[in-house]
């Protein structure tokens, strides 16, 4: 047993010891046996279950709003079935592992298919790569402990049971215990979980005053924990990062698990060294929590870990994201709120779209290759796997003959997206990397073509089966004497499915 494993302590409280006193104050537990930290870089990760970010604005939440001013606040939509339900099991697994459900394997709250051996949770990962760190977890949704989602790897943990008549959150107790750990001990990394936001969401709905009230209570806990950090005698020599996130959203009437935008809403809010103040990145995803923690701790990411995220302070270099400021509202789509700015048919500088064989009519938004955001595009029609476009970020390119055909049209869908010209002088091969979501249906084609020195494009890849949000890498031999190459993505169909391209990069060898 490693030294990190041998010193771990479990603080498990039963329903009785977790109960609150008549005055509403949490009972004290024994101070944890927590090894003294070894790092000046420290992270407090706060999870608020089922907290819909668009309700924070309406709530009395001065501490969260202060963090938004002081740090970076990125919004992210979740997947939906068949990848996974918008439930806590998949959500917290995604937060903790830094990978999407098609890797960590958790599709619902049964946790069937979990693969934490290949994709361990954050604290277990830290125990592997930096065992000298002092880590602490406090949770009261038992699967976060019993299923191995969050607590494995913690040097000390507080796990509170639900009451006998069902699950009841113990936010006040967890806040008090975490505050004491920060004040009296020397932890390096803490995961602190508040669950009452989800309970109120289920019982009263996200549109209720009770939901705003629970946000206010949890905001006060955030304020107490931040104040405890600042009150530490060693604070001046420490570099603290505070991250707040959630696992899923809630319907206005309450509940989650489905594919509605309100159920899919999540966020990552972070303050700390190197994290820009007031930033509102459009390319954030929920899988970015783990890479952000690792970066703040100075731990390099091993590509072999297969993480899907990136640090929240690192911006995407994808060419389509440059279009974010020029996105417009809906034209023909009726299911998208008028205030959602989410599409353009104008490509980035250096790119072009060839529509000379494109049919006429159809939905304006999707007449040939378009550029859209997740919220805009996935709202067009639920439960047709558009929600599974999880590895695209910000703005992406989409050819959608299915949506185009939802209005009277004539002819076929035939549109080609053309990249800029890239220099390949003296190179033997060129590699094209991108992320794609592709759904196959009869009568459609999807081809990647390469044109060297402006010559006739030749097919280098054809898609004939579904590819659900996966990275692609195509290596193409450079012909003798060729000095330039451009690539084309040609999609044809007529009321078939769709093709998404994002994150394109070209490299030489």
Protein backbone atom coordinates (compact mmCIF):
# COMPACT_ATOMS: atom_id res chain seq x y z
CA UNK A 1 0.00 0.00 0.00
CA UNK A 2 1.34 3.42 -0.94
CA UNK A 3 1.94 6.08 1.69
CA UNK A 4 -0.99 8.08 0.29
CA UNK A 5 -3.34 5.14 0.67
CA UNK A 6 -2.17 4.21 4.16
CA UNK A 7 -2.97 7.58 5.65
CA UNK A 8 -6.50 7.98 4.26
CA UNK A 9 -9.23 8.46 6.82
CA UNK A 10 -12.95 7.98 6.37
CA UNK A 11 -15.40 10.09 8.33
CA UNK A 12 -18.77 8.46 7.74
CA UNK A 13 -21.77 9.96 9.53
CA UNK A 14 -25.02 8.09 10.01
CA UNK A 15 -28.40 9.72 9.59
CA UNK A 16 -28.50 10.35 13.33
CA UNK A 17 -25.12 12.03 13.64
CA UNK A 18 -25.82 14.09 10.53
CA UNK A 19 -29.08 15.48 11.88
CA UNK A 20 -29.39 19.17 12.65
CA UNK A 21 -30.14 20.52 16.09
CA UNK A 22 -33.42 22.20 16.94
CA UNK A 23 -31.73 25.54 16.39
CA UNK A 24 -30.75 24.55 12.85
CA UNK A 25 -27.02 24.38 13.52
CA UNK A 26 -25.16 21.28 12.34
CA UNK A 27 -23.71 18.97 14.94
CA UNK A 28 -19.93 18.95 15.00
CA UNK A 29 -17.99 15.89 13.95
CA UNK A 30 -14.51 14.91 15.01
CA UNK A 31 -11.85 16.90 13.23
CA UNK A 32 -10.52 14.86 10.30
CA UNK A 33 -7.14 13.23 10.40
CA UNK A 34 -5.88 14.96 7.30
CA UNK A 35 -2.19 15.08 6.36
CA UNK A 36 -0.73 18.55 6.02
CA UNK A 37 -0.63 19.82 2.48
CA UNK A 38 2.53 20.01 0.43
CA UNK A 39 1.52 22.52 -2.24
CA UNK A 40 1.15 26.28 -2.38
CA UNK A 41 -1.24 25.71 -5.30
CA UNK A 42 -4.59 24.73 -3.82
CA UNK A 43 -8.04 24.02 -5.28
CA UNK A 44 -11.53 24.12 -3.80
CA UNK A 45 -14.05 22.42 -6.13
CA UNK A 46 -17.69 23.01 -5.18
CA UNK A 47 -20.43 20.94 -6.78
CA UNK A 48 -24.01 22.21 -6.63
CA UNK A 49 -26.37 19.47 -7.76
CA UNK A 50 -29.00 20.41 -10.34
CA UNK A 51 -28.21 24.13 -10.33
CA UNK A 52 -29.51 25.75 -13.51
CA UNK A 53 -27.17 28.60 -14.32
CA UNK A 54 -29.80 30.89 -15.84
CA UNK A 55 -31.54 31.11 -12.44
CA UNK A 56 -28.46 32.49 -10.68
CA UNK A 57 -29.07 35.93 -12.17
CA UNK A 58 -32.49 36.15 -10.52
CA UNK A 59 -31.26 34.87 -7.15
CA UNK A 60 -29.71 36.70 -4.21
CA UNK A 61 -26.28 35.27 -4.92
CA UNK A 62 -23.64 37.95 -4.30
CA UNK A 63 -20.75 35.52 -3.90
CA UNK A 64 -21.37 33.61 -7.13
CA UNK A 65 -21.84 36.91 -8.93
CA UNK A 66 -18.61 38.21 -7.45
CA UNK A 67 -16.85 35.10 -8.75
CA UNK A 68 -18.29 35.81 -12.21
CA UNK A 69 -16.71 39.28 -12.09
CA UNK A 70 -13.42 38.00 -10.69
CA UNK A 71 -13.08 34.89 -12.82
CA UNK A 72 -14.15 32.96 -15.90
CA UNK A 73 -17.71 31.75 -16.35
CA UNK A 74 -18.36 29.26 -19.15
CA UNK A 75 -21.71 27.69 -20.00
CA UNK A 76 -22.08 24.19 -21.38
CA UNK A 77 -24.90 21.92 -22.54
CA UNK A 78 -24.97 18.23 -21.70
CA UNK A 79 -25.59 15.23 -23.89
CA UNK A 80 -28.90 13.35 -23.75
CA UNK A 81 -29.92 9.75 -24.36
CA UNK A 82 -28.78 7.48 -25.95
CA UNK A 83 -25.34 8.70 -24.78
CA UNK A 84 -26.56 9.23 -21.23
CA UNK A 85 -29.45 10.66 -19.27
CA UNK A 86 -29.19 14.17 -17.84
CA UNK A 87 -28.91 12.63 -14.37
CA UNK A 88 -26.47 12.92 -11.49
CA UNK A 89 -24.62 9.65 -12.10
CA UNK A 90 -23.45 10.59 -15.61
CA UNK A 91 -23.12 14.28 -14.70
CA UNK A 92 -20.82 13.92 -11.70
CA UNK A 93 -18.90 11.17 -13.49
CA UNK A 94 -18.25 13.63 -16.32
CA UNK A 95 -17.16 16.35 -13.88
CA UNK A 96 -14.91 14.02 -11.90
CA UNK A 97 -13.28 12.05 -14.73
CA UNK A 98 -12.89 14.77 -17.37
CA UNK A 99 -14.35 12.53 -20.08
CA UNK A 100 -17.77 12.10 -21.67
CA UNK A 101 -20.12 9.19 -20.88
CA UNK A 102 -19.09 7.25 -23.98
CA UNK A 103 -15.76 6.81 -22.17
CA UNK A 104 -16.54 6.67 -18.44
CA UNK A 105 -19.49 4.41 -19.16
CA UNK A 106 -22.08 5.84 -16.73
CA UNK A 107 -25.36 6.35 -18.58
CA UNK A 108 -27.78 6.70 -15.67
CA UNK A 109 -28.00 6.45 -11.89
CA UNK A 110 -27.58 2.67 -11.94
CA UNK A 111 -23.89 3.25 -12.73
CA UNK A 112 -23.97 0.09 -14.87
CA UNK A 113 -21.00 0.03 -17.22
CA UNK A 114 -18.84 2.44 -15.21
CA UNK A 115 -15.16 2.36 -16.12
CA UNK A 116 -13.40 4.28 -13.38
CA UNK A 117 -10.44 1.92 -13.69
CA UNK A 118 -9.63 3.37 -17.10
CA UNK A 119 -10.97 6.86 -16.30
CA UNK A 120 -10.58 7.47 -12.55
CA UNK A 121 -12.17 10.34 -10.69
CA UNK A 122 -10.20 13.49 -9.93
CA UNK A 123 -9.07 12.59 -6.41
CA UNK A 124 -8.11 9.07 -7.45
CA UNK A 125 -6.13 10.54 -10.35
CA UNK A 126 -4.33 12.92 -8.00
CA UNK A 127 -3.51 10.05 -5.64
CA UNK A 128 -1.84 8.31 -8.57
CA UNK A 129 0.17 11.18 -10.00
CA UNK A 130 0.75 13.46 -6.96
CA UNK A 131 0.31 11.29 -3.84
CA UNK A 132 1.84 13.95 -1.60
CA UNK A 133 -1.18 16.22 -2.01
CA UNK A 134 -3.61 16.43 0.89
CA UNK A 135 -7.13 15.80 -0.44
CA UNK A 136 -10.58 15.96 1.16
CA UNK A 137 -14.12 15.20 0.02
CA UNK A 138 -17.49 15.92 1.62
CA UNK A 139 -20.66 14.47 0.05
CA UNK A 140 -24.12 13.36 1.08
CA UNK A 141 -25.36 11.69 -2.11
CA UNK A 142 -24.07 8.22 -1.26
CA UNK A 143 -23.32 7.00 -4.83
CA UNK A 144 -20.58 9.63 -5.06
CA UNK A 145 -18.87 7.47 -2.45
CA UNK A 146 -20.22 3.94 -2.84
CA UNK A 147 -20.00 3.91 -6.63
CA UNK A 148 -16.48 5.31 -6.61
CA UNK A 149 -17.33 8.52 -8.45
CA UNK A 150 -15.76 11.23 -6.26
CA UNK A 151 -14.35 10.08 -2.92
CA UNK A 152 -11.78 7.40 -3.91
CA UNK A 153 -8.30 8.82 -3.47
CA UNK A 154 -9.31 11.28 -0.73
CA UNK A 155 -7.06 11.35 2.33
CA UNK A 156 -10.15 12.13 4.41
CA UNK A 157 -13.81 12.17 3.53
CA UNK A 158 -17.11 13.06 5.12
CA UNK A 159 -19.97 10.92 3.79
CA UNK A 160 -23.40 11.68 5.22
CA UNK A 161 -26.39 9.37 4.90
CA UNK A 162 -29.88 10.43 3.93
CA UNK A 163 -32.63 10.44 6.51
CA UNK A 164 -34.57 7.25 7.15
CA UNK A 165 -37.57 8.45 5.14
CA UNK A 166 -35.50 9.25 2.07
CA UNK A 167 -32.63 11.36 0.83
CA UNK A 168 -32.21 14.73 2.53
CA UNK A 169 -29.34 17.07 1.80
CA UNK A 170 -27.05 18.20 4.60
CA UNK A 171 -25.63 21.32 2.99
CA UNK A 172 -25.26 23.21 6.28
CA UNK A 173 -23.29 20.38 7.88
CA UNK A 174 -21.07 19.94 4.84
CA UNK A 175 -20.42 23.69 4.65
CA UNK A 176 -19.48 23.85 8.34
CA UNK A 177 -17.19 20.82 8.12
CA UNK A 178 -15.45 22.07 4.97
CA UNK A 179 -15.05 25.51 6.51
CA UNK A 180 -13.36 23.92 9.53
CA UNK A 181 -11.03 21.87 7.32
CA UNK A 182 -9.98 24.97 5.40
CA UNK A 183 -9.56 27.00 8.60
CA UNK A 184 -7.89 24.43 10.87
CA UNK A 185 -6.12 22.04 8.51
CA UNK A 186 -3.87 22.41 5.50
CA UNK A 187 -5.63 20.71 2.57
CA UNK A 188 -4.43 21.01 -1.02
CA UNK A 189 -7.58 19.92 -2.90
CA UNK A 190 -11.17 19.77 -1.65
CA UNK A 191 -14.34 18.49 -3.33
CA UNK A 192 -17.39 19.88 -1.51
CA UNK A 193 -20.87 18.81 -2.58
CA UNK A 194 -24.17 20.62 -1.97
CA UNK A 195 -27.30 18.65 -2.90
CA UNK A 196 -30.27 20.70 -1.69
CA UNK A 197 -30.52 22.58 -5.00
CA UNK A 198 -31.48 19.33 -6.70
CA UNK A 199 -33.99 18.36 -4.02
CA UNK A 200 -35.74 21.72 -4.23
CA UNK A 201 -35.63 21.54 -8.01
CA UNK A 202 -37.49 18.24 -7.92
CA UNK A 203 -39.99 19.30 -5.28
CA UNK A 204 -40.71 22.88 -6.31
CA UNK A 205 -39.33 23.34 -9.82
CA UNK A 206 -36.60 25.58 -11.17
CA UNK A 207 -39.06 28.40 -11.83
CA UNK A 208 -40.05 28.61 -8.16
CA UNK A 209 -39.07 31.08 -5.48
CA UNK A 210 -37.94 28.12 -3.38
CA UNK A 211 -35.32 27.33 -6.04
CA UNK A 212 -34.05 30.91 -5.90
CA UNK A 213 -33.97 30.65 -2.11
CA UNK A 214 -31.82 27.50 -2.15
CA UNK A 215 -29.41 29.18 -4.58
CA UNK A 216 -29.14 32.03 -2.06
CA UNK A 217 -28.40 29.60 0.78
CA UNK A 218 -25.75 27.76 -1.19
CA UNK A 219 -24.28 31.08 -2.30
CA UNK A 220 -23.86 31.98 1.38
CA UNK A 221 -21.95 28.71 1.89
CA UNK A 222 -19.69 29.63 -1.01
CA UNK A 223 -19.06 32.96 0.67
CA UNK A 224 -18.15 31.26 3.97
CA UNK A 225 -15.70 28.91 2.26
CA UNK A 226 -14.06 31.72 0.34
CA UNK A 227 -13.80 33.77 3.54
CA UNK A 228 -12.18 30.80 5.30
CA UNK A 229 -9.58 30.65 2.54
CA UNK A 230 -8.78 34.35 2.86
CA UNK A 231 -8.56 34.06 6.66
CA UNK A 232 -5.84 31.42 6.57
CA UNK A 233 -2.61 32.61 8.19
CA UNK A 234 -0.67 31.25 5.20
CA UNK A 235 -3.02 32.72 2.59
CA UNK A 236 -0.54 35.34 1.36
CA UNK A 237 1.89 32.65 0.26
CA UNK A 238 -0.74 30.37 -1.27
CA UNK A 239 -2.36 30.30 -4.73
CA UNK A 240 -6.01 29.28 -4.38
CA UNK A 241 -8.33 28.34 -7.21
CA UNK A 242 -12.07 28.06 -6.52
CA UNK A 243 -14.30 26.26 -9.03
CA UNK A 244 -18.08 25.93 -8.88
CA UNK A 245 -19.97 23.59 -11.21
CA UNK A 246 -23.08 21.43 -11.52
CA UNK A 247 -24.07 18.08 -12.99
CA UNK A 248 -27.30 18.92 -14.87
CA UNK A 249 -30.14 21.43 -14.99
CA UNK A 250 -33.85 21.25 -14.16
CA UNK A 251 -37.15 21.82 -15.87
CA UNK A 252 -39.17 24.84 -14.80
CA UNK A 253 -41.71 22.45 -13.29
CA UNK A 254 -38.96 20.30 -11.77
CA UNK A 255 -37.18 17.18 -12.87
CA UNK A 256 -34.42 16.18 -15.26
CA UNK A 257 -33.08 13.20 -17.18
CA UNK A 258 -34.43 14.14 -20.60
CA UNK A 259 -33.25 16.18 -23.56
CA UNK A 260 -34.76 19.63 -22.92
CA UNK A 261 -32.33 22.52 -23.01
CA UNK A 262 -33.22 23.36 -19.40
CA UNK A 263 -32.21 19.85 -18.29
CA UNK A 264 -28.96 20.04 -20.25
CA UNK A 265 -27.75 23.35 -18.80
CA UNK A 266 -24.45 23.23 -16.88
CA UNK A 267 -21.64 25.69 -16.16
CA UNK A 268 -18.05 25.98 -15.00
CA UNK A 269 -17.17 29.05 -12.88
CA UNK A 270 -13.54 29.47 -11.84
CA UNK A 271 -11.37 32.05 -10.09
CA UNK A 272 -7.67 31.76 -9.44
CA UNK A 273 -4.17 32.49 -10.74
CA UNK A 274 -4.05 32.84 -14.50
CA UNK A 275 -7.84 32.70 -14.87
CA UNK A 276 -9.15 35.80 -16.65
CA UNK A 277 -11.52 38.12 -14.79
CA UNK A 278 -14.94 38.65 -16.32
CA UNK A 279 -14.36 36.19 -19.17
CA UNK A 280 -17.41 34.51 -20.78
CA UNK A 281 -15.91 31.89 -23.10
CA UNK A 282 -18.18 30.30 -25.68
CA UNK A 283 -16.11 27.12 -25.94
CA UNK A 284 -16.44 25.72 -22.39
CA UNK A 285 -17.56 22.12 -21.77
CA UNK A 286 -18.30 20.30 -18.50
CA UNK A 287 -15.30 18.01 -19.08
CA UNK A 288 -13.04 21.06 -18.59
CA UNK A 289 -13.18 20.87 -14.78
CA UNK A 290 -10.47 18.20 -14.35
CA UNK A 291 -7.98 19.75 -16.82
CA UNK A 292 -8.49 23.11 -15.11
CA UNK A 293 -7.70 21.62 -11.70
CA UNK A 294 -4.62 19.85 -13.07
CA UNK A 295 -3.32 23.02 -14.72
CA UNK A 296 -3.80 25.04 -11.54
CA UNK A 297 -1.84 22.40 -9.61
CA UNK A 298 0.95 22.39 -12.19
CA UNK A 299 0.29 18.79 -13.22
CA UNK A 300 0.78 18.10 -16.95
CA UNK A 301 -1.88 16.02 -18.68
CA UNK A 302 -0.67 12.71 -20.04
CA UNK A 303 -2.29 12.13 -23.49
CA UNK A 304 -2.65 8.47 -22.51
CA UNK A 305 -5.32 9.50 -19.99
CA UNK A 306 -7.65 10.31 -22.89
CA UNK A 307 -9.18 13.41 -21.27
CA UNK A 308 -11.83 15.18 -23.33
CA UNK A 309 -11.50 18.59 -21.68
CA UNK A 310 -9.10 21.50 -21.65
CA UNK A 311 -8.35 24.16 -19.01
CA UNK A 312 -11.06 26.79 -18.88
CA UNK A 313 -8.53 29.58 -19.36
CA UNK A 314 -7.29 28.17 -22.67
CA UNK A 315 -9.23 29.31 -25.70
CA UNK A 316 -10.03 27.18 -28.70
CA UNK A 317 -8.08 27.99 -31.88
CA UNK A 318 -10.83 26.53 -34.06
CA UNK A 319 -11.45 28.78 -37.10
CA UNK A 320 -15.23 28.58 -36.76
CA UNK A 321 -15.18 30.18 -33.31
CA UNK A 322 -14.13 33.45 -34.96
CA UNK A 323 -17.72 33.66 -36.23
CA UNK A 324 -19.24 33.93 -32.76
CA UNK A 325 -19.68 37.69 -32.92
CA UNK A 326 -21.51 37.52 -36.26
CA UNK A 327 -24.14 34.90 -35.35
CA UNK A 328 -27.76 35.84 -36.02
CA UNK A 329 -31.22 34.78 -34.77
CA UNK A 330 -33.54 32.27 -36.39
CA UNK A 331 -35.16 32.88 -39.77
CA UNK A 332 -37.46 29.94 -40.54
CA UNK A 333 -36.98 27.80 -37.44
CA UNK A 334 -39.89 28.18 -35.00
CA UNK A 335 -38.65 26.07 -32.07
CA UNK A 336 -35.69 28.32 -31.32
CA UNK A 337 -36.34 31.39 -29.14
CA UNK A 338 -35.98 34.62 -31.09
CA UNK A 339 -33.30 35.89 -28.72
CA UNK A 340 -30.89 33.02 -29.34
CA UNK A 341 -28.07 34.19 -31.60
CA UNK A 342 -26.75 30.98 -33.06
CA UNK A 343 -26.14 30.67 -36.78
CA UNK A 344 -24.61 32.19 -39.91
CA UNK A 345 -24.09 30.90 -43.42
CA UNK A 346 -21.04 33.13 -43.93
CA UNK A 347 -17.83 31.08 -43.55
CA UNK A 348 -14.68 32.24 -41.76
CA UNK A 349 -12.08 34.22 -43.62
CA UNK A 350 -10.22 32.02 -46.11
CA UNK A 351 -13.00 29.41 -46.19
CA UNK A 352 -15.77 29.08 -48.78
CA UNK A 353 -18.99 27.18 -49.39
CA UNK A 354 -19.87 25.86 -52.85
CA UNK A 355 -23.63 25.70 -53.35
CA UNK A 356 -23.90 25.75 -57.14
CA UNK A 357 -25.57 22.30 -57.12
CA UNK A 358 -27.70 23.05 -54.06
CA UNK A 359 -31.49 22.72 -54.30
CA UNK A 360 -33.78 25.68 -53.79
CA UNK A 361 -36.14 26.55 -50.98
CA UNK A 362 -35.99 24.68 -47.71
CA UNK A 363 -35.15 26.13 -44.30
CA UNK A 364 -33.00 29.23 -44.71
CA UNK A 365 -30.76 28.39 -41.74
CA UNK A 366 -29.61 25.08 -43.28
CA UNK A 367 -29.45 25.87 -47.01
CA UNK A 368 -25.95 24.48 -47.52
CA UNK A 369 -23.16 24.32 -44.94
CA UNK A 370 -23.95 26.61 -42.01
CA UNK A 371 -22.13 27.56 -38.81
CA UNK A 372 -23.99 27.23 -35.54
CA UNK A 373 -23.81 26.76 -31.79
CA UNK A 374 -24.94 23.74 -29.80
CA UNK A 375 -27.88 25.56 -28.25
CA UNK A 376 -29.15 26.84 -31.60
CA UNK A 377 -28.71 23.65 -33.63
CA UNK A 378 -29.85 21.11 -31.03
CA UNK A 379 -33.04 23.11 -30.46
CA UNK A 380 -34.16 22.49 -34.05
CA UNK A 381 -35.43 18.99 -33.25
CA UNK A 382 -34.97 17.05 -30.00
CA UNK A 383 -34.04 13.38 -29.70
CA UNK A 384 -32.44 12.98 -33.11
CA UNK A 385 -28.92 12.73 -31.63
CA UNK A 386 -28.03 16.37 -32.18
CA UNK A 387 -27.57 16.47 -28.39
CA UNK A 388 -24.63 14.07 -28.80
CA UNK A 389 -22.41 16.69 -30.46
CA UNK A 390 -20.42 16.92 -27.23
CA UNK A 391 -16.90 17.17 -28.69
CA UNK A 392 -17.71 20.26 -30.73
CA UNK A 393 -17.05 23.56 -28.99
CA UNK A 394 -18.37 27.04 -29.57
CA UNK A 395 -19.28 27.41 -33.24
CA UNK A 396 -19.10 24.43 -35.60
CA UNK A 397 -19.88 23.72 -39.26
CA UNK A 398 -23.03 21.70 -39.99
CA UNK A 399 -24.68 20.34 -43.12
CA UNK A 400 -28.21 19.28 -42.14
CA UNK A 401 -30.39 18.05 -45.00
CA UNK A 402 -32.99 16.78 -42.53
CA UNK A 403 -33.75 20.23 -41.13
CA UNK A 404 -33.37 21.89 -44.54
CA UNK A 405 -36.19 19.69 -45.84
CA UNK A 406 -38.61 20.81 -43.12
CA UNK A 407 -39.80 23.57 -45.45
CA UNK A 408 -40.88 23.19 -49.06
CA UNK A 409 -37.84 22.62 -51.28
CA UNK A 410 -36.87 21.56 -54.78
CA UNK A 411 -33.87 19.47 -55.82
CA UNK A 412 -31.25 17.82 -53.68
CA UNK A 413 -29.01 18.97 -50.87
CA UNK A 414 -25.49 19.30 -52.32
CA UNK A 415 -23.05 21.58 -50.51
CA UNK A 416 -19.26 21.63 -50.19
CA UNK A 417 -17.23 23.31 -47.46
CA UNK A 418 -13.74 24.35 -48.63
CA UNK A 419 -10.78 25.04 -46.36
CA UNK A 420 -8.08 27.64 -46.96
CA UNK A 421 -4.96 26.64 -48.91
CA UNK A 422 -2.13 25.19 -46.80
CA UNK A 423 1.56 25.15 -47.72
CA UNK A 424 3.01 21.63 -48.08
CA UNK A 425 6.23 22.49 -49.88
CA UNK A 426 8.83 19.77 -49.31
CA UNK A 427 6.45 17.66 -47.19
CA UNK A 428 5.83 13.96 -47.73
CA UNK A 429 2.41 13.85 -46.09
CA UNK A 430 -0.22 16.12 -44.63
CA UNK A 431 -2.46 15.23 -41.70
CA UNK A 432 -6.01 16.55 -41.31
CA UNK A 433 -7.47 16.39 -37.80
CA UNK A 434 -11.04 17.30 -36.92
CA UNK A 435 -14.00 16.23 -34.81
CA UNK A 436 -17.14 14.95 -36.45
CA UNK A 437 -20.72 13.95 -35.70
CA UNK A 438 -22.22 12.10 -38.64
CA UNK A 439 -25.54 10.27 -39.00
CA UNK A 440 -26.04 8.04 -42.01
CA UNK A 441 -29.32 7.60 -43.83
CA UNK A 442 -30.10 6.11 -47.22
CA UNK A 443 -29.41 8.31 -50.21
CA UNK A 444 -26.83 10.63 -48.65
CA UNK A 445 -23.07 10.89 -49.12
CA UNK A 446 -20.29 12.50 -47.07
CA UNK A 447 -16.83 12.83 -48.56
CA UNK A 448 -13.55 14.47 -47.59
CA UNK A 449 -11.55 15.48 -50.67
CA UNK A 450 -8.04 16.89 -51.13
CA UNK A 451 -6.90 19.23 -53.91
CA UNK A 452 -3.15 19.72 -54.45
CA UNK A 453 -1.90 22.81 -56.31
CA UNK A 454 -5.50 23.70 -57.20
CA UNK A 455 -6.01 20.46 -59.12
CA UNK A 456 -9.03 18.18 -59.33
CA UNK A 457 -10.15 17.18 -55.81
CA UNK A 458 -9.81 13.49 -55.01
CA UNK A 459 -11.71 11.59 -52.32
CA UNK A 460 -9.58 10.69 -49.29
CA UNK A 461 -12.39 9.59 -46.95
CA UNK A 462 -16.05 8.61 -47.29
CA UNK A 463 -18.50 8.15 -44.43
CA UNK A 464 -21.13 5.43 -44.75
CA UNK A 465 -21.97 4.73 -41.08
CA UNK A 466 -22.73 6.81 -37.99
CA UNK A 467 -19.80 8.49 -36.25
CA UNK A 468 -21.01 9.93 -32.94
CA UNK A 469 -18.85 12.89 -31.97
CA UNK A 470 -15.40 11.40 -32.41
CA UNK A 471 -11.98 12.81 -33.32
CA UNK A 472 -10.76 12.00 -36.82
CA UNK A 473 -7.23 11.98 -38.23
CA UNK A 474 -6.58 11.55 -41.95
CA UNK A 475 -3.03 11.30 -43.32
CA UNK A 476 -2.72 12.06 -47.03
CA UNK A 477 0.42 11.55 -49.12
CA UNK A 478 1.70 14.73 -50.78
CA UNK A 479 2.35 14.13 -54.51
CA UNK A 480 5.82 14.89 -55.80
CA UNK A 481 6.17 18.56 -56.63
CA UNK A 482 3.01 19.65 -54.81
CA UNK A 483 3.33 22.87 -52.83
CA UNK A 484 -0.23 23.47 -51.58
CA UNK A 485 -3.35 21.64 -50.52
CA UNK A 486 -6.93 22.48 -49.66
CA UNK A 487 -9.59 20.13 -48.32
CA UNK A 488 -13.29 19.86 -49.10
CA UNK A 489 -16.20 18.41 -47.18
CA UNK A 490 -18.99 17.52 -49.59
CA UNK A 491 -22.37 16.43 -48.28
CA UNK A 492 -25.31 15.39 -50.46
CA UNK A 493 -28.78 14.18 -49.57
CA UNK A 494 -32.48 15.00 -49.53
CA UNK A 495 -34.30 14.90 -46.20
CA UNK A 496 -31.60 12.60 -44.80
CA UNK A 497 -29.50 13.28 -41.66
CA UNK A 498 -26.53 15.57 -41.07
CA UNK A 499 -22.77 16.07 -40.82
CA UNK A 500 -20.87 18.23 -38.30
CA UNK A 501 -17.23 19.34 -38.60
CA UNK A 502 -15.27 21.15 -35.86
CA UNK A 503 -11.79 21.61 -34.42
CA UNK A 504 -10.02 21.35 -37.77
CA UNK A 505 -6.22 21.36 -37.76
CA UNK A 506 -3.69 20.67 -40.53
CA UNK A 507 -0.18 19.35 -39.77
CA UNK A 508 2.72 18.28 -41.96
CA UNK A 509 5.19 15.42 -41.88
